[in-house]
Amino acid sequence: MQHFPIGSNYCVTTMLNETQEIVQWYFDISKNVGINERGIPFWDDLYLDLIVFPSGDFCIKDEDELEEAITNNQITEDEYILANHVMTGLIKEVETMENTILKNTMKHFNLISRYLKDSISN
């Protein structure tokens, strides 16, 4: 399941197992998130990622790619600062469990599941 929070600088992919338990949340830090003219969500990746596990443990991914991108002028200094700033904020939200998506994942999953069941039965 994916979330593309409007006005944020990340998108989240939630991975669930066959018994509908959360395995992990994968946050892609991005320059922006939006919906294109065809209604398809998108994000402009800023390399840095955060993986969060149901236990509350987390790991930061691709710091080396972010460093390489700034060194090779693939991103601007402002984008580099933004990526690190967003990561810092996300870590605080994870540590306090104040991230809206983390708190509401199963509620969203259940809404989608009910919608799909209703669509199939009609």
C-alpha atoms as a PDB file:
ATOM      1  CA  MET A   1       0.000   0.000   0.000  1.00  0.00           C
ATOM      2  CA  GLN A   2       1.341   3.446  -0.846  1.00  0.00           C
ATOM      3  CA  HIS A   3       0.657   6.870   0.625  1.00  0.00           C
ATOM      4  CA  PHE A   4       1.481  10.131  -1.125  1.00  0.00           C
ATOM      5  CA  PRO A   5       0.774  12.807   1.490  1.00  0.00           C
ATOM      6  CA  ILE A   6      -0.033  16.105  -0.232  1.00  0.00           C
ATOM      7  CA  GLY A   7       2.292  18.890   0.870  1.00  0.00           C
ATOM      8  CA  SER A   8       4.896  16.510   2.291  1.00  0.00           C
ATOM      9  CA  ASN A   9       8.383  15.650   1.151  1.00  0.00           C
ATOM     10  CA  TYR A  10       8.039  11.885   1.294  1.00  0.00           C
ATOM     11  CA  CYS A  11       5.896   9.007   0.171  1.00  0.00           C
ATOM     12  CA  VAL A  12       5.427   5.783   2.097  1.00  0.00           C
ATOM     13  CA  THR A  13       5.160   2.205   0.919  1.00  0.00           C
ATOM     14  CA  THR A  14       3.686  -0.102   3.544  1.00  0.00           C
ATOM     15  CA  MET A  15       4.519  -3.772   3.135  1.00  0.00           C
ATOM     16  CA  LEU A  16       2.216  -6.356   4.688  1.00  0.00           C
ATOM     17  CA  ASN A  17       2.569 -10.113   4.850  1.00  0.00           C
ATOM     18  CA  GLU A  18       0.000 -12.747   3.880  1.00  0.00           C
ATOM     19  CA  THR A  19      -1.671 -12.485   7.305  1.00  0.00           C
ATOM     20  CA  GLN A  20      -2.101  -8.717   6.883  1.00  0.00           C
ATOM     21  CA  GLU A  21       0.578  -7.819   9.424  1.00  0.00           C
ATOM     22  CA  ILE A  22       2.838  -4.872   8.729  1.00  0.00           C
ATOM     23  CA  VAL A  23       6.346  -5.962   7.801  1.00  0.00           C
ATOM     24  CA  GLN A  24       7.764  -2.474   7.272  1.00  0.00           C
ATOM     25  CA  TRP A  25       7.121   1.069   6.162  1.00  0.00           C
ATOM     26  CA  TYR A  26       9.487   2.414   3.507  1.00  0.00           C
ATOM     27  CA  PHE A  27       9.729   6.212   3.368  1.00  0.00           C
ATOM     28  CA  ASP A  28      11.141   7.737   0.184  1.00  0.00           C
ATOM     29  CA  ILE A  29      12.359  11.264   0.901  1.00  0.00           C
ATOM     30  CA  SER A  30      11.433  13.487  -2.035  1.00  0.00           C
ATOM     31  CA  LYS A  31      11.628  17.002  -3.364  1.00  0.00           C
ATOM     32  CA  ASN A  32       7.857  16.972  -3.802  1.00  0.00           C
ATOM     33  CA  VAL A  33       4.887  14.654  -4.016  1.00  0.00           C
ATOM     34  CA  GLY A  34       1.893  15.130  -6.244  1.00  0.00           C
ATOM     35  CA  ILE A  35      -0.599  13.807  -8.742  1.00  0.00           C
ATOM     36  CA  ASN A  36       0.004  14.265 -12.453  1.00  0.00           C
ATOM     37  CA  GLU A  37      -2.589  15.355 -15.039  1.00  0.00           C
ATOM     38  CA  ARG A  38      -3.631  11.712 -15.559  1.00  0.00           C
ATOM     39  CA  GLY A  39      -4.316  11.257 -11.834  1.00  0.00           C
ATOM     40  CA  ILE A  40      -1.203   9.181 -11.176  1.00  0.00           C
ATOM     41  CA  PRO A  41       0.740   9.918  -7.970  1.00  0.00           C
ATOM     42  CA  PHE A  42       4.437  10.765  -8.284  1.00  0.00           C
ATOM     43  CA  TRP A  43       7.414  11.788  -6.185  1.00  0.00           C
ATOM     44  CA  ASP A  44      10.734  13.389  -7.086  1.00  0.00           C
ATOM     45  CA  ASP A  45      13.210  11.181  -5.246  1.00  0.00           C
ATOM     46  CA  LEU A  46      15.963  12.741  -3.141  1.00  0.00           C
ATOM     47  CA  TYR A  47      17.810   9.431  -2.671  1.00  0.00           C
ATOM     48  CA  LEU A  48      17.511   9.228   1.122  1.00  0.00           C
ATOM     49  CA  ASP A  49      15.155   6.554   2.529  1.00  0.00           C
ATOM     50  CA  LEU A  50      13.946   5.471   5.941  1.00  0.00           C
ATOM     51  CA  ILE A  51      12.758   1.956   6.747  1.00  0.00           C
ATOM     52  CA  VAL A  52      10.625   1.597   9.866  1.00  0.00           C
ATOM     53  CA  PHE A  53       9.719  -1.732  11.451  1.00  0.00           C
ATOM     54  CA  PRO A  54       6.647  -2.446  13.611  1.00  0.00           C
ATOM     55  CA  SER A  55       8.941  -2.763  16.658  1.00  0.00           C
ATOM     56  CA  GLY A  56       9.814   0.921  16.270  1.00  0.00           C
ATOM     57  CA  ASP A  57      13.329   0.133  15.063  1.00  0.00           C
ATOM     58  CA  PHE A  58      14.387   1.909  11.910  1.00  0.00           C
ATOM     59  CA  CYS A  59      17.301   2.264   9.537  1.00  0.00           C
ATOM     60  CA  ILE A  60      18.392   4.999   7.188  1.00  0.00           C
ATOM     61  CA  LYS A  61      19.173   3.911   3.635  1.00  0.00           C
ATOM     62  CA  ASP A  62      21.112   5.413   0.759  1.00  0.00           C
ATOM     63  CA  GLU A  63      23.016   8.120   2.614  1.00  0.00           C
ATOM     64  CA  ASP A  64      25.888   7.292   0.269  1.00  0.00           C
ATOM     65  CA  GLU A  65      23.674   7.943  -2.764  1.00  0.00           C
ATOM     66  CA  LEU A  66      22.667  11.326  -1.340  1.00  0.00           C
ATOM     67  CA  GLU A  67      26.325  12.237  -0.797  1.00  0.00           C
ATOM     68  CA  GLU A  68      27.199  11.107  -4.304  1.00  0.00           C
ATOM     69  CA  ALA A  69      24.308  13.123  -5.766  1.00  0.00           C
ATOM     70  CA  ILE A  70      25.447  16.365  -4.092  1.00  0.00           C
ATOM     71  CA  THR A  71      29.084  15.710  -5.017  1.00  0.00           C
ATOM     72  CA  ASN A  72      28.140  15.089  -8.684  1.00  0.00           C
ATOM     73  CA  ASN A  73      25.772  18.085  -8.830  1.00  0.00           C
ATOM     74  CA  GLN A  74      22.760  15.839  -9.453  1.00  0.00           C
ATOM     75  CA  ILE A  75      20.926  17.744  -6.704  1.00  0.00           C
ATOM     76  CA  THR A  76      21.302  21.267  -5.370  1.00  0.00           C
ATOM     77  CA  GLU A  77      22.559  22.202  -1.938  1.00  0.00           C
ATOM     78  CA  ASP A  78      18.993  23.224  -1.032  1.00  0.00           C
ATOM     79  CA  GLU A  79      17.726  19.765  -2.027  1.00  0.00           C
ATOM     80  CA  TYR A  80      20.508  18.152   0.020  1.00  0.00           C
ATOM     81  CA  ILE A  81      19.525  20.243   3.050  1.00  0.00           C
ATOM     82  CA  LEU A  82      15.844  19.456   2.468  1.00  0.00           C
ATOM     83  CA  ALA A  83      16.499  15.703   2.366  1.00  0.00           C
ATOM     84  CA  ASN A  84      18.389  15.809   5.662  1.00  0.00           C
ATOM     85  CA  HIS A  85      15.812  18.094   7.277  1.00  0.00           C
ATOM     86  CA  VAL A  86      12.924  15.809   6.268  1.00  0.00           C
ATOM     87  CA  MET A  87      14.835  12.771   7.562  1.00  0.00           C
ATOM     88  CA  THR A  88      15.426  14.452  10.929  1.00  0.00           C
ATOM     89  CA  GLY A  89      11.729  15.268  11.239  1.00  0.00           C
ATOM     90  CA  LEU A  90      10.648  11.771  10.262  1.00  0.00           C
ATOM     91  CA  ILE A  91      12.965  10.186  12.804  1.00  0.00           C
ATOM     92  CA  LYS A  92      11.402  12.349  15.538  1.00  0.00           C
ATOM     93  CA  GLU A  93       7.918  11.332  14.375  1.00  0.00           C
ATOM     94  CA  VAL A  94       8.904   7.652  14.350  1.00  0.00           C
ATOM     95  CA  GLU A  95      10.471   7.796  17.805  1.00  0.00           C
ATOM     96  CA  THR A  96       7.324   9.406  19.248  1.00  0.00           C
ATOM     97  CA  MET A  97       4.916   7.458  16.977  1.00  0.00           C
ATOM     98  CA  GLU A  98       3.404  10.776  15.918  1.00  0.00           C
ATOM     99  CA  ASN A  99       3.557  10.100  12.186  1.00  0.00           C
ATOM    100  CA  THR A 100       0.003  10.086  10.855  1.00  0.00           C
ATOM    101  CA  ILE A 101       0.637   7.314   8.351  1.00  0.00           C
ATOM    102  CA  LEU A 102       2.252   5.032  10.922  1.00  0.00           C
ATOM    103  CA  LYS A 103      -0.656   5.616  13.283  1.00  0.00           C
ATOM    104  CA  ASN A 104      -3.359   5.048  10.668  1.00  0.00           C
ATOM    105  CA  THR A 105      -1.954   2.378   8.360  1.00  0.00           C
ATOM    106  CA  MET A 106      -4.304  -0.415   9.351  1.00  0.00           C
ATOM    107  CA  LYS A 107      -7.305   1.913   9.349  1.00  0.00           C
ATOM    108  CA  HIS A 108      -6.438   2.856   5.758  1.00  0.00           C
ATOM    109  CA  PHE A 109      -5.792  -0.765   4.808  1.00  0.00           C
ATOM    110  CA  ASN A 110      -9.169  -1.846   6.211  1.00  0.00           C
ATOM    111  CA  LEU A 111     -10.969   0.954   4.333  1.00  0.00           C
ATOM    112  CA  ILE A 112      -9.335  -0.083   1.070  1.00  0.00           C
ATOM    113  CA  SER A 113     -10.109  -3.759   1.731  1.00  0.00           C
ATOM    114  CA  ARG A 114     -13.773  -3.008   2.406  1.00  0.00           C
ATOM    115  CA  TYR A 115     -13.996  -0.855  -0.715  1.00  0.00           C
ATOM    116  CA  LEU A 116     -12.483  -3.633  -2.840  1.00  0.00           C
ATOM    117  CA  LYS A 117     -14.797  -6.263  -1.357  1.00  0.00           C
ATOM    118  CA  ASP A 118     -17.825  -4.034  -2.009  1.00  0.00           C
ATOM    119  CA  SER A 119     -16.650  -3.356  -5.591  1.00  0.00           C
ATOM    120  CA  ILE A 120     -16.191  -7.058  -6.317  1.00  0.00           C
ATOM    121  CA  SER A 121     -19.556  -8.076  -4.849  1.00  0.00           C
ATOM    122  CA  ASN A 122     -21.459  -5.386  -6.811  1.00  0.00           C
END
